[in-house]
């Protein structure tokens, strides 16, 4: 699925519906160049009261990756 990027803002996401009750973002953020833009776009796809579940590697400061960090967020 293509999504808009700074160099190609005309790229469009075609989703089968306009809002979702739950989104799982598992091991994705380390591939995203514009995390703030990604999260802004994601927040527009979640229904009010919906959930976002994030899971990603955590860097402990010395370059080593440790166990997954997981978060669940509700959207207003």
C-alpha atoms as a PDB file:
ATOM      1  CA  UNK A   1       0.000   0.000   0.000  1.00  0.00           C
ATOM      2  CA  UNK A   2       1.537   3.305  -1.025  1.00  0.00           C
ATOM      3  CA  UNK A   3       1.331   6.283   1.288  1.00  0.00           C
ATOM      4  CA  UNK A   4       2.186   9.954   0.730  1.00  0.00           C
ATOM      5  CA  UNK A   5       5.811  10.932   1.324  1.00  0.00           C
ATOM      6  CA  UNK A   6       7.483  14.349   1.263  1.00  0.00           C
ATOM      7  CA  UNK A   7       8.975  13.758  -2.189  1.00  0.00           C
ATOM      8  CA  UNK A   8       5.744  12.316  -3.621  1.00  0.00           C
ATOM      9  CA  UNK A   9       2.731  13.860  -1.842  1.00  0.00           C
ATOM     10  CA  UNK A  10       0.453  12.785  -4.690  1.00  0.00           C
ATOM     11  CA  UNK A  11       0.739   9.144  -3.603  1.00  0.00           C
ATOM     12  CA  UNK A  12      -2.612   8.223  -2.080  1.00  0.00           C
ATOM     13  CA  UNK A  13      -3.736   5.544   0.338  1.00  0.00           C
ATOM     14  CA  UNK A  14      -6.840   3.717  -0.874  1.00  0.00           C
ATOM     15  CA  UNK A  15      -8.461   2.102   2.138  1.00  0.00           C
ATOM     16  CA  UNK A  16     -11.618  -0.017   2.096  1.00  0.00           C
ATOM     17  CA  UNK A  17     -13.180   2.179   4.804  1.00  0.00           C
ATOM     18  CA  UNK A  18     -12.624   5.649   6.254  1.00  0.00           C
ATOM     19  CA  UNK A  19     -12.093   4.810   9.936  1.00  0.00           C
ATOM     20  CA  UNK A  20     -10.983   1.836  12.007  1.00  0.00           C
ATOM     21  CA  UNK A  21     -11.687   0.785  15.597  1.00  0.00           C
ATOM     22  CA  UNK A  22      -8.220  -0.745  16.108  1.00  0.00           C
ATOM     23  CA  UNK A  23      -4.872  -0.334  14.364  1.00  0.00           C
ATOM     24  CA  UNK A  24      -1.822  -2.490  15.090  1.00  0.00           C
ATOM     25  CA  UNK A  25       1.532  -0.905  14.248  1.00  0.00           C
ATOM     26  CA  UNK A  26       3.959  -3.772  14.813  1.00  0.00           C
ATOM     27  CA  UNK A  27       7.639  -3.307  13.951  1.00  0.00           C
ATOM     28  CA  UNK A  28       6.844  -0.482  11.512  1.00  0.00           C
ATOM     29  CA  UNK A  29       8.077   2.808  12.977  1.00  0.00           C
ATOM     30  CA  UNK A  30      11.766   2.069  12.448  1.00  0.00           C
ATOM     31  CA  UNK A  31      10.992   1.972   8.689  1.00  0.00           C
ATOM     32  CA  UNK A  32       9.147   5.326   8.665  1.00  0.00           C
ATOM     33  CA  UNK A  33      11.088   8.462   7.665  1.00  0.00           C
ATOM     34  CA  UNK A  34       8.435  10.921   8.905  1.00  0.00           C
ATOM     35  CA  UNK A  35       7.129   9.433  12.180  1.00  0.00           C
ATOM     36  CA  UNK A  36       5.212  12.590  13.127  1.00  0.00           C
ATOM     37  CA  UNK A  37       3.449  12.627   9.748  1.00  0.00           C
ATOM     38  CA  UNK A  38       2.754   8.893  10.016  1.00  0.00           C
ATOM     39  CA  UNK A  39       1.207   9.279  13.471  1.00  0.00           C
ATOM     40  CA  UNK A  40      -0.850  12.288  12.354  1.00  0.00           C
ATOM     41  CA  UNK A  41      -2.206  10.305   9.424  1.00  0.00           C
ATOM     42  CA  UNK A  42      -2.850   7.292  11.626  1.00  0.00           C
ATOM     43  CA  UNK A  43      -4.805   9.356  14.152  1.00  0.00           C
ATOM     44  CA  UNK A  44      -7.135  10.451  11.348  1.00  0.00           C
ATOM     45  CA  UNK A  45      -7.921   6.820  10.511  1.00  0.00           C
ATOM     46  CA  UNK A  46      -8.943   5.746  14.026  1.00  0.00           C
ATOM     47  CA  UNK A  47     -12.570   6.033  15.127  1.00  0.00           C
ATOM     48  CA  UNK A  48     -13.265   8.123  18.251  1.00  0.00           C
ATOM     49  CA  UNK A  49     -12.616   5.814  21.201  1.00  0.00           C
ATOM     50  CA  UNK A  50     -10.595   3.483  18.971  1.00  0.00           C
ATOM     51  CA  UNK A  51      -7.260   1.927  19.858  1.00  0.00           C
ATOM     52  CA  UNK A  52      -3.751   2.036  18.435  1.00  0.00           C
ATOM     53  CA  UNK A  53      -1.412  -0.753  19.506  1.00  0.00           C
ATOM     54  CA  UNK A  54       2.282   0.019  18.942  1.00  0.00           C
ATOM     55  CA  UNK A  55       5.142  -2.416  19.297  1.00  0.00           C
ATOM     56  CA  UNK A  56       8.728  -1.527  18.437  1.00  0.00           C
ATOM     57  CA  UNK A  57      12.340  -2.138  19.377  1.00  0.00           C
ATOM     58  CA  UNK A  58      13.741   0.057  22.143  1.00  0.00           C
ATOM     59  CA  UNK A  59      17.291   1.430  21.904  1.00  0.00           C
ATOM     60  CA  UNK A  60      18.978   1.491  25.326  1.00  0.00           C
ATOM     61  CA  UNK A  61      21.584   4.062  24.302  1.00  0.00           C
ATOM     62  CA  UNK A  62      24.568   1.910  23.440  1.00  0.00           C
ATOM     63  CA  UNK A  63      23.237   0.813  20.056  1.00  0.00           C
ATOM     64  CA  UNK A  64      21.901  -2.511  21.278  1.00  0.00           C
ATOM     65  CA  UNK A  65      18.293  -3.366  20.752  1.00  0.00           C
ATOM     66  CA  UNK A  66      16.382  -4.908  23.611  1.00  0.00           C
ATOM     67  CA  UNK A  67      12.993  -6.549  23.947  1.00  0.00           C
ATOM     68  CA  UNK A  68       9.948  -5.045  22.333  1.00  0.00           C
ATOM     69  CA  UNK A  69       8.255  -2.035  23.824  1.00  0.00           C
ATOM     70  CA  UNK A  70       4.494  -2.137  23.413  1.00  0.00           C
ATOM     71  CA  UNK A  71       1.924   0.599  23.967  1.00  0.00           C
ATOM     72  CA  UNK A  72      -1.824   0.843  23.627  1.00  0.00           C
ATOM     73  CA  UNK A  73      -3.382   4.267  23.050  1.00  0.00           C
ATOM     74  CA  UNK A  74      -6.990   5.371  22.801  1.00  0.00           C
ATOM     75  CA  UNK A  75      -7.979   8.080  20.345  1.00  0.00           C
ATOM     76  CA  UNK A  76     -10.459  10.858  21.035  1.00  0.00           C
END
